[in-house]
């Protein structure tokens, strides 16, 4: 079992998290938040030993969800997304477009009516960019 102490950095430092309001709870889902954080920690920890096109996907039950919602996840080094309470037959591409319309400011609109069954909640984790200083010394003109 992995605990937050097992991670080399707190996930809030490695990823930016966004999630929708759960339609069942009327608030952000704590189980979804925990799953996103666990996936972000795992992907960050795997980065040194995986290739840039690494992808981890699957389905799980949300631990701690009173409704025992199933969750579909797709995790890469570039983005992690979790879709809650979706049916196995739900088209992954349609879910991706639906999530894009919520999380990506430059995405085209997507009507939820294009999905037979919309997720009750969705979450996303995007890696934070490292803050590197330039290798070249900066010279300042004389005042």
Protein backbone atom coordinates (compact mmCIF):
# COMPACT_ATOMS: atom_id res chain seq x y z
CA UNK A 1 0.00 0.00 0.00
CA UNK A 2 1.38 3.40 -0.98
CA UNK A 3 1.06 6.30 1.41
CA UNK A 4 1.80 9.97 0.71
CA UNK A 5 5.10 9.54 2.57
CA UNK A 6 6.20 7.03 -0.10
CA UNK A 7 6.21 9.75 -2.77
CA UNK A 8 9.44 11.56 -3.48
CA UNK A 9 7.58 14.90 -3.67
CA UNK A 10 4.11 15.90 -2.54
CA UNK A 11 1.81 15.57 -5.55
CA UNK A 12 0.63 19.19 -5.18
CA UNK A 13 4.18 20.18 -6.13
CA UNK A 14 4.32 17.89 -9.16
CA UNK A 15 0.80 18.29 -10.61
CA UNK A 16 -2.00 20.81 -10.98
CA UNK A 17 -5.37 19.23 -10.11
CA UNK A 18 -8.83 20.09 -11.44
CA UNK A 19 -12.09 18.26 -10.90
CA UNK A 20 -15.76 18.74 -11.50
CA UNK A 21 -18.45 18.68 -8.85
CA UNK A 22 -19.88 15.20 -8.27
CA UNK A 23 -23.51 15.10 -9.36
CA UNK A 24 -24.30 12.72 -6.49
CA UNK A 25 -22.57 14.67 -3.71
CA UNK A 26 -23.03 18.23 -4.96
CA UNK A 27 -19.37 18.83 -4.02
CA UNK A 28 -15.93 17.63 -5.14
CA UNK A 29 -15.60 13.89 -4.55
CA UNK A 30 -12.91 13.06 -1.94
CA UNK A 31 -12.48 9.56 -3.40
CA UNK A 32 -11.80 11.05 -6.85
CA UNK A 33 -9.27 13.47 -5.31
CA UNK A 34 -7.44 10.59 -3.62
CA UNK A 35 -7.37 8.54 -6.83
CA UNK A 36 -5.99 11.47 -8.84
CA UNK A 37 -3.30 12.09 -6.21
CA UNK A 38 -2.34 8.40 -6.12
CA UNK A 39 -2.11 8.20 -9.92
CA UNK A 40 -0.10 11.44 -10.08
CA UNK A 41 2.32 10.10 -7.49
CA UNK A 42 2.68 6.78 -9.31
CA UNK A 43 3.22 8.40 -12.72
CA UNK A 44 5.75 10.85 -11.27
CA UNK A 45 7.61 8.03 -9.53
CA UNK A 46 7.62 5.98 -12.77
CA UNK A 47 8.92 8.85 -14.93
CA UNK A 48 12.66 7.98 -14.63
CA UNK A 49 12.09 4.35 -15.69
CA UNK A 50 9.47 4.81 -18.43
CA UNK A 51 9.43 6.25 -21.93
CA UNK A 52 7.71 9.55 -22.82
CA UNK A 53 4.82 7.62 -24.44
CA UNK A 54 4.06 5.70 -21.21
CA UNK A 55 0.34 5.12 -20.63
CA UNK A 56 -1.52 3.44 -17.82
CA UNK A 57 -5.25 2.91 -18.18
CA UNK A 58 -7.89 0.84 -16.50
CA UNK A 59 -10.98 0.73 -14.34
CA UNK A 60 -11.40 0.64 -10.60
CA UNK A 61 -13.94 1.22 -7.86
CA UNK A 62 -13.43 4.50 -6.03
CA UNK A 63 -12.09 3.66 -2.57
CA UNK A 64 -14.22 5.43 0.02
CA UNK A 65 -17.07 6.31 -2.34
CA UNK A 66 -20.36 5.56 -0.58
CA UNK A 67 -21.94 4.72 -3.94
CA UNK A 68 -19.01 2.46 -4.93
CA UNK A 69 -18.76 4.31 -8.24
CA UNK A 70 -16.63 2.69 -10.91
CA UNK A 71 -13.90 4.92 -12.28
CA UNK A 72 -12.10 4.77 -15.62
CA UNK A 73 -8.63 6.29 -15.69
CA UNK A 74 -6.07 7.15 -18.35
CA UNK A 75 -2.68 8.28 -17.08
CA UNK A 76 0.27 9.50 -19.15
CA UNK A 77 3.22 11.73 -18.36
CA UNK A 78 1.33 14.62 -19.96
CA UNK A 79 -2.09 14.22 -18.36
CA UNK A 80 -4.11 12.05 -16.01
CA UNK A 81 -7.88 11.85 -16.23
CA UNK A 82 -10.41 9.95 -14.16
CA UNK A 83 -14.06 9.53 -15.18
CA UNK A 84 -16.49 8.46 -12.46
CA UNK A 85 -19.56 6.28 -12.80
CA UNK A 86 -19.25 5.56 -16.52
CA UNK A 87 -20.42 2.39 -18.20
CA UNK A 88 -17.89 0.04 -19.80
CA UNK A 89 -19.42 0.67 -23.24
CA UNK A 90 -18.99 4.47 -23.00
CA UNK A 91 -16.76 5.66 -25.84
CA UNK A 92 -13.35 6.82 -24.53
CA UNK A 93 -12.92 9.39 -27.29
CA UNK A 94 -16.29 10.97 -26.47
CA UNK A 95 -15.31 11.08 -22.77
CA UNK A 96 -12.06 12.78 -23.73
CA UNK A 97 -13.87 15.43 -25.80
CA UNK A 98 -16.36 16.00 -22.99
CA UNK A 99 -13.52 16.46 -20.47
CA UNK A 100 -11.66 18.75 -22.89
CA UNK A 101 -14.72 21.01 -23.04
CA UNK A 102 -14.58 21.36 -19.24
CA UNK A 103 -10.84 21.43 -18.51
CA UNK A 104 -9.21 22.94 -21.62
CA UNK A 105 -9.84 26.68 -22.12
CA UNK A 106 -9.20 26.47 -25.87
CA UNK A 107 -11.34 23.36 -26.51
CA UNK A 108 -14.31 23.31 -28.80
CA UNK A 109 -17.71 22.90 -27.21
CA UNK A 110 -19.08 19.42 -26.70
CA UNK A 111 -22.66 18.59 -25.91
CA UNK A 112 -23.15 16.10 -23.12
CA UNK A 113 -26.11 14.73 -25.07
CA UNK A 114 -23.54 13.04 -27.33
CA UNK A 115 -22.83 10.64 -24.47
CA UNK A 116 -25.32 7.92 -23.58
CA UNK A 117 -24.22 8.14 -19.95
CA UNK A 118 -22.29 11.17 -18.69
CA UNK A 119 -19.76 10.77 -15.87
CA UNK A 120 -21.06 11.86 -12.47
CA UNK A 121 -17.66 13.54 -11.94
CA UNK A 122 -14.32 13.94 -13.72
CA UNK A 123 -10.86 14.90 -12.63
CA UNK A 124 -7.60 15.83 -14.26
CA UNK A 125 -3.98 16.19 -13.16
CA UNK A 126 -1.47 18.04 -15.33
CA UNK A 127 2.25 18.03 -14.50
CA UNK A 128 3.60 21.34 -13.30
CA UNK A 129 6.43 22.69 -15.42
CA UNK A 130 9.80 22.58 -13.69
CA UNK A 131 11.20 25.97 -12.79
CA UNK A 132 14.62 26.02 -14.42
CA UNK A 133 16.90 29.00 -14.35
CA UNK A 134 18.76 29.79 -17.56
CA UNK A 135 22.22 28.21 -17.89
CA UNK A 136 23.64 31.44 -19.30
CA UNK A 137 24.56 34.10 -16.74
CA UNK A 138 22.45 37.20 -17.00
CA UNK A 139 24.38 40.45 -17.29
CA UNK A 140 22.86 43.71 -16.14
CA UNK A 141 23.74 46.99 -17.83
CA UNK A 142 25.48 49.54 -15.67
CA UNK A 143 23.07 51.98 -14.16
